[in-house]
Protein backbone atom coordinates (compact mmCIF):
# COMPACT_ATOMS: atom_id res chain seq x y z
CA MET A 1 11.96 33.47 9.56
CA SER A 2 8.54 34.57 10.73
CA ASP A 3 5.57 32.28 10.24
CA TYR A 4 2.57 34.57 10.46
CA SER A 5 -1.03 33.42 10.67
CA ALA A 6 -4.17 35.54 10.83
CA ALA A 7 -7.46 34.89 12.57
CA ILE A 8 -10.68 36.83 12.03
CA ASP A 9 -13.73 36.71 14.29
CA LEU A 10 -16.70 38.42 12.66
CA GLY A 11 -19.20 38.64 15.48
CA THR A 12 -22.68 40.07 15.78
CA ASN A 13 -21.32 43.31 17.21
CA THR A 14 -17.54 43.35 16.84
CA ALA A 15 -15.11 42.26 14.12
CA ARG A 16 -11.58 41.40 15.22
CA LEU A 17 -8.37 40.54 13.43
CA LEU A 18 -5.36 38.92 15.07
CA ILE A 19 -2.03 38.31 13.35
CA VAL A 20 0.29 35.99 15.24
CA ASP A 21 3.76 34.54 14.90
CA CYS A 22 3.47 30.76 15.25
CA LEU A 23 6.28 29.35 17.37
CA PRO A 24 6.87 25.87 18.83
CA SER A 25 6.03 27.36 22.25
CA GLY A 26 2.70 28.78 21.05
CA ILE A 27 1.51 31.97 19.39
CA THR A 28 2.86 35.48 19.85
CA PRO A 29 0.50 38.37 18.93
CA VAL A 30 1.94 40.65 16.25
CA LEU A 31 -1.04 42.85 15.45
CA VAL A 32 -4.59 43.23 16.73
CA GLU A 33 -7.35 45.19 14.99
CA ARG A 34 -10.95 45.52 16.05
CA GLU A 35 -14.00 47.40 14.84
CA ILE A 36 -17.54 47.64 16.14
CA VAL A 37 -19.48 46.71 13.00
CA ARG A 38 -22.84 45.85 14.60
CA LEU A 39 -23.51 43.21 11.99
CA GLY A 40 -26.65 42.19 13.87
CA GLY A 41 -28.08 45.71 13.80
CA GLY A 42 -31.44 45.76 12.06
CA PHE A 43 -31.53 41.95 11.89
CA THR A 44 -34.94 40.37 11.21
CA ASP A 45 -36.00 36.73 10.95
CA LYS A 46 -37.55 37.44 7.56
CA SER A 47 -34.74 39.42 5.92
CA GLY A 48 -31.71 38.40 7.97
CA LEU A 49 -28.79 40.82 7.90
CA SER A 50 -29.75 44.34 6.91
CA ALA A 51 -28.25 45.92 3.80
CA GLU A 52 -26.56 48.57 5.95
CA ALA A 53 -25.03 45.96 8.25
CA CYS A 54 -23.76 43.93 5.28
CA GLN A 55 -22.07 47.04 3.90
CA ARG A 56 -20.41 47.77 7.25
CA GLY A 57 -19.21 44.18 7.39
CA LEU A 58 -17.87 44.30 3.84
CA LEU A 59 -15.94 47.53 4.39
CA CYS A 60 -14.41 46.12 7.55
CA MET A 61 -13.37 42.89 5.82
CA LEU A 62 -11.83 44.91 2.98
CA ARG A 63 -9.75 46.78 5.55
CA PHE A 64 -8.72 43.55 7.25
CA SER A 65 -7.81 42.02 3.88
CA ASN A 66 -5.46 44.91 3.12
CA ILE A 67 -3.81 44.56 6.54
CA ILE A 68 -3.32 40.81 6.02
CA ALA A 69 -1.81 41.39 2.56
CA SER A 70 0.74 43.84 3.93
CA ASN A 71 1.92 41.57 6.75
CA LYS A 72 3.22 38.48 4.91
CA VAL A 73 0.56 36.20 6.37
CA THR A 74 0.75 32.58 5.18
CA ARG A 75 -2.48 31.22 6.69
CA VAL A 76 -5.85 32.78 7.42
CA LYS A 77 -8.73 31.37 9.44
CA ALA A 78 -11.89 33.44 9.56
CA CYS A 79 -15.21 32.66 11.19
CA ALA A 80 -18.65 34.19 11.44
CA THR A 81 -20.91 33.54 14.40
CA SER A 82 -24.45 34.12 15.60
CA ALA A 83 -25.74 36.86 13.29
CA VAL A 84 -24.53 35.18 10.11
CA ARG A 85 -25.48 31.62 11.10
CA ASP A 86 -29.02 32.75 12.00
CA ALA A 87 -29.55 34.91 8.90
CA VAL A 88 -31.52 33.70 5.89
CA ASN A 89 -29.03 35.65 3.77
CA GLY A 90 -25.98 34.48 5.73
CA LEU A 91 -24.52 32.32 2.95
CA GLU A 92 -25.11 35.09 0.42
CA PHE A 93 -23.20 37.49 2.68
CA VAL A 94 -20.32 35.03 3.09
CA GLU A 95 -20.07 34.58 -0.67
CA LYS A 96 -20.06 38.36 -1.16
CA ILE A 97 -17.23 38.76 1.35
CA TYR A 98 -15.16 36.09 -0.42
CA SER A 99 -15.70 37.54 -3.90
CA GLU A 100 -14.87 41.10 -2.78
CA THR A 101 -12.06 40.48 -0.29
CA GLY A 102 -10.72 36.95 -0.75
CA ILE A 103 -11.51 36.21 2.90
CA ARG A 104 -13.27 32.87 3.22
CA LEU A 105 -15.54 33.10 6.25
CA LYS A 106 -16.59 29.83 7.86
CA ILE A 107 -19.93 29.92 9.65
CA ILE A 108 -19.44 28.05 12.92
CA ASP A 109 -22.10 26.68 15.25
CA GLY A 110 -22.42 27.54 18.92
CA GLU A 111 -20.62 24.43 20.15
CA THR A 112 -17.61 24.99 17.90
CA GLU A 113 -17.54 28.62 18.98
CA ALA A 114 -17.56 27.60 22.65
CA ARG A 115 -14.77 25.01 22.21
CA LEU A 116 -12.51 27.44 20.37
CA THR A 117 -13.24 30.14 22.94
CA LEU A 118 -12.31 27.81 25.80
CA GLU A 119 -8.96 27.03 24.14
CA GLY A 120 -8.27 30.73 23.67
CA VAL A 121 -9.17 31.56 27.27
CA LYS A 122 -7.11 28.68 28.71
CA SER A 123 -4.03 29.93 26.86
CA ALA A 124 -4.05 33.16 28.88
CA LEU A 125 -5.18 32.03 32.35
CA ASP A 126 -2.66 32.74 35.11
CA SER A 127 -3.59 29.58 37.01
CA CYS A 128 -5.14 26.19 36.32
CA HIS A 129 -8.67 25.57 37.52
CA ASP A 130 -10.00 22.04 37.96
CA SER A 131 -13.54 23.38 37.60
CA LEU A 132 -14.26 26.34 35.34
CA VAL A 133 -17.45 27.99 34.12
CA LEU A 134 -16.91 30.18 31.05
CA LEU A 135 -19.42 32.78 29.89
CA ASP A 136 -18.97 34.29 26.43
CA VAL A 137 -21.49 37.12 26.06
CA GLY A 138 -21.83 37.91 22.38
CA GLY A 139 -24.01 40.16 20.30
CA GLY A 140 -26.46 37.49 19.15
CA SER A 141 -25.83 34.56 21.47
CA THR A 142 -24.16 33.73 24.77
CA GLU A 143 -22.14 30.55 25.19
CA PHE A 144 -22.07 28.84 28.60
CA THR A 145 -19.32 26.24 28.97
CA VAL A 146 -18.41 24.06 31.93
CA SER A 147 -14.98 22.44 31.89
CA PHE A 148 -13.26 20.03 34.26
CA LEU A 149 -9.50 19.54 34.15
CA GLY A 150 -9.39 21.67 31.01
CA ASN A 151 -11.93 19.66 29.04
CA PRO A 152 -15.43 20.88 28.15
CA VAL A 153 -18.13 18.67 29.69
CA PHE A 154 -21.14 20.89 28.98
CA ILE A 155 -21.75 23.51 26.30
CA LYS A 156 -24.89 25.55 25.77
CA SER A 157 -25.33 28.29 23.18
CA MET A 158 -28.15 30.48 24.46
CA PRO A 159 -30.24 32.77 22.20
CA ILE A 160 -29.48 35.89 24.22
CA GLY A 161 -26.92 38.48 23.22
CA VAL A 162 -26.41 42.18 23.74
CA VAL A 163 -27.60 43.31 20.31
CA ARG A 164 -30.54 40.90 20.34
CA LEU A 165 -31.67 42.03 23.80
CA THR A 166 -31.07 45.74 23.20
CA GLU A 167 -33.01 45.83 19.94
CA GLY A 168 -35.70 43.37 21.04
CA PHE A 169 -36.77 44.69 24.45
CA ASN A 170 -37.88 48.09 25.67
CA SER A 171 -36.87 47.94 29.33
CA VAL A 172 -34.29 46.42 31.64
CA MET A 173 -37.01 44.47 33.41
CA ASP A 174 -38.08 42.90 30.12
CA MET A 175 -34.45 41.92 29.47
CA VAL A 176 -34.15 40.42 32.95
CA GLU A 177 -37.33 38.40 32.44
CA ARG A 178 -36.10 37.06 29.10
CA VAL A 179 -32.65 36.17 30.44
CA ASN A 180 -34.08 34.42 33.50
CA SER A 181 -36.39 32.39 31.29
CA VAL A 182 -33.39 31.17 29.27
CA LEU A 183 -31.44 30.46 32.48
CA ASP A 184 -34.37 28.38 33.78
CA ASP A 185 -33.92 26.12 30.74
CA LEU A 186 -30.14 26.11 31.21
CA GLU A 187 -30.45 25.04 34.83
CA LEU A 188 -32.75 22.17 33.89
CA GLU A 189 -30.33 20.99 31.20
CA LEU A 190 -27.42 21.09 33.66
CA MET A 191 -29.41 18.97 36.12
CA SER A 192 -30.44 16.51 33.42
CA ALA A 193 -26.83 16.16 32.28
CA GLY A 194 -25.66 15.57 35.84
CA ILE A 195 -23.31 18.55 35.68
CA HIS A 196 -22.35 19.94 39.07
CA PHE A 197 -20.20 22.89 40.04
CA ASP A 198 -20.27 25.27 42.98
CA LYS A 199 -19.55 28.88 43.76
CA ASP A 200 -15.88 27.99 44.32
CA SER A 201 -15.49 27.00 40.66
CA ALA A 202 -13.70 29.66 38.63
CA PHE A 203 -16.19 31.89 36.84
CA VAL A 204 -14.56 33.43 33.78
CA GLY A 205 -16.08 35.96 31.41
CA THR A 206 -14.82 36.77 27.93
CA ALA A 207 -15.83 39.15 25.11
CA GLY A 208 -16.92 42.78 25.15
CA THR A 209 -19.11 43.04 28.23
CA ALA A 210 -16.63 41.30 30.54
CA THR A 211 -13.62 43.24 29.23
CA THR A 212 -15.57 46.50 29.46
CA ILE A 213 -16.38 45.80 33.12
CA ALA A 214 -12.66 45.35 33.78
CA ALA A 215 -11.72 48.45 31.79
CA ILE A 216 -14.26 50.58 33.68
CA LYS A 217 -13.08 49.26 37.05
CA LEU A 218 -9.47 49.99 36.02
CA LYS A 219 -10.50 53.42 34.67
CA MET A 220 -8.64 52.73 31.43
CA VAL A 221 -8.12 55.56 28.97
CA ASP A 222 -6.17 53.35 26.57
CA TYR A 223 -7.25 49.72 26.54
CA ASN A 224 -4.55 47.25 27.62
CA TYR A 225 -5.37 43.57 27.19
CA ARG A 226 -2.50 42.52 29.43
CA MET A 227 -4.05 44.35 32.37
CA VAL A 228 -7.51 43.00 31.57
CA ASN A 229 -6.48 39.34 31.29
CA ASN A 230 -7.08 37.62 34.66
CA PHE A 231 -8.43 40.78 36.31
CA SER A 232 -10.99 39.86 38.96
CA VAL A 233 -14.09 41.92 39.70
CA SER A 234 -16.47 41.30 42.59
CA ARG A 235 -20.22 40.98 42.16
CA VAL A 236 -20.55 44.01 44.44
CA ASP A 237 -18.33 46.13 42.18
CA ILE A 238 -20.21 44.96 39.08
CA GLU A 239 -23.49 45.99 40.72
CA GLU A 240 -22.06 49.45 41.40
CA ILE A 241 -20.99 49.82 37.76
CA PHE A 242 -24.41 48.59 36.62
CA ARG A 243 -26.28 51.00 38.88
CA ASP A 244 -24.15 53.98 37.83
CA LEU A 245 -24.57 53.27 34.10
CA LEU A 246 -28.32 52.79 34.43
CA GLU A 247 -28.64 56.33 35.76
CA MET A 248 -26.79 57.80 32.77
CA SER A 249 -27.92 58.61 29.26
CA THR A 250 -26.07 56.92 26.42
CA THR A 251 -24.22 60.21 25.81
CA GLU A 252 -23.14 60.42 29.44
CA ARG A 253 -21.87 56.83 29.35
CA LEU A 254 -19.39 57.79 26.64
CA ARG A 255 -17.58 59.90 29.24
CA VAL A 256 -17.00 56.85 31.44
CA LYS A 257 -13.36 55.76 31.31
CA GLY A 258 -13.12 52.25 29.91
CA LEU A 259 -16.42 52.31 27.99
CA GLU A 260 -15.76 52.08 24.26
CA LYS A 261 -17.84 54.08 21.79
CA GLY A 262 -20.36 51.72 20.21
CA ARG A 263 -21.08 49.90 23.48
CA GLU A 264 -22.88 52.73 25.26
CA ASP A 265 -26.33 51.21 24.66
CA LEU A 266 -25.31 47.53 24.57
CA ILE A 267 -23.49 47.46 27.92
CA ILE A 268 -26.76 47.37 29.88
CA ALA A 269 -27.93 44.16 28.22
CA GLY A 270 -24.50 42.63 28.78
CA LEU A 271 -24.62 43.50 32.46
CA VAL A 272 -28.08 41.97 32.73
CA ILE A 273 -26.72 38.69 31.35
CA ILE A 274 -23.59 38.57 33.51
CA THR A 275 -25.27 39.59 36.78
CA SER A 276 -28.16 37.19 36.17
CA VAL A 277 -25.77 34.28 35.65
CA MET A 278 -23.71 35.23 38.71
CA ASP A 279 -26.80 35.44 40.88
CA ARG A 280 -28.33 32.24 39.53
CA PHE A 281 -25.21 30.17 40.23
CA LYS A 282 -23.98 32.17 43.25
CA PHE A 283 -20.67 33.39 41.85
CA ASP A 284 -19.26 36.30 43.81
CA HIS A 285 -16.33 37.14 41.51
CA LEU A 286 -15.82 37.39 37.76
CA LYS A 287 -12.40 36.61 36.31
CA VAL A 288 -12.00 38.45 33.03
CA SER A 289 -10.28 37.13 29.91
CA ASP A 290 -9.47 39.31 26.94
CA PHE A 291 -8.55 36.12 25.09
CA GLY A 292 -11.31 33.99 23.59
CA LEU A 293 -12.61 32.86 20.22
CA LEU A 294 -10.09 34.89 18.22
CA GLU A 295 -7.11 33.41 20.04
CA GLY A 296 -8.62 29.92 19.93
CA LEU A 297 -8.99 30.30 16.19
CA ALA A 298 -5.38 31.48 15.87
CA LEU A 299 -4.19 28.47 17.88
CA SER A 300 -6.02 26.20 15.43
CA CYS A 301 -4.36 27.71 12.36
CA GLY A 302 -2.10 24.70 11.99
CA ASP A 303 -5.05 22.27 12.08
CA SER A 304 -6.63 20.92 8.93
CA GLU A 305 -10.13 22.12 8.10
């Protein structure tokens, strides 16, 4: 008899649903749904989530709720991240989602997000890494996690994300300056905490920017997470992708194989973040993981709240 659980990750840019069969050996994906909702679009400190973004989020959660109901799911874990936790109307939005859809979103902090993401990523890695640096580039925030022997020893949730940078800055140079300022603080915190790693540590990227880099390099017409998981891309190849996309209009970028509609403007900010981190810490390759927060959440479905 199947024992299905569902996990929902409502991010600042993308909403994802994963239904899994829980087995003694782990989880087996049954169904994956994703939608670019851009929940952080139009976000302001004063008003929080925009009315339009809230409506997009609600419609998506209604769709996810119907899918869950038709798949004999026994447990659901759903989380909301940066956009909702930073919004003055975040709790109001969460209550609206619950009353309209029955989905109980839990707002998680950056550290919880990073820990769950690490568990999800580890479950799909093709080899063990004693030293691992994980970068989760989101829409509103970016989580930087250092782990040794599989355990997180340093976690930093940074206030830079692809939606936040794209809507907040007018040029790539302005984005670069902002990201480098945040990385200056990160580097100081790493030194103060006595955290050391080198360029030989595994550098793993998860979430939309990293998977898009892999998909573009693979020239994917139909996205395949199995091919993306553990795909390695050199810093040189990432620079080539970055340079090519910079020369295109957003309309032209939509013709690039592997670039999903809805990311045509955001991909530049994501590339700024990833290349800046690689250059700062001298990583010459990026290992890509399609697995992350969603899978980590699914793995925790048997845990008590």
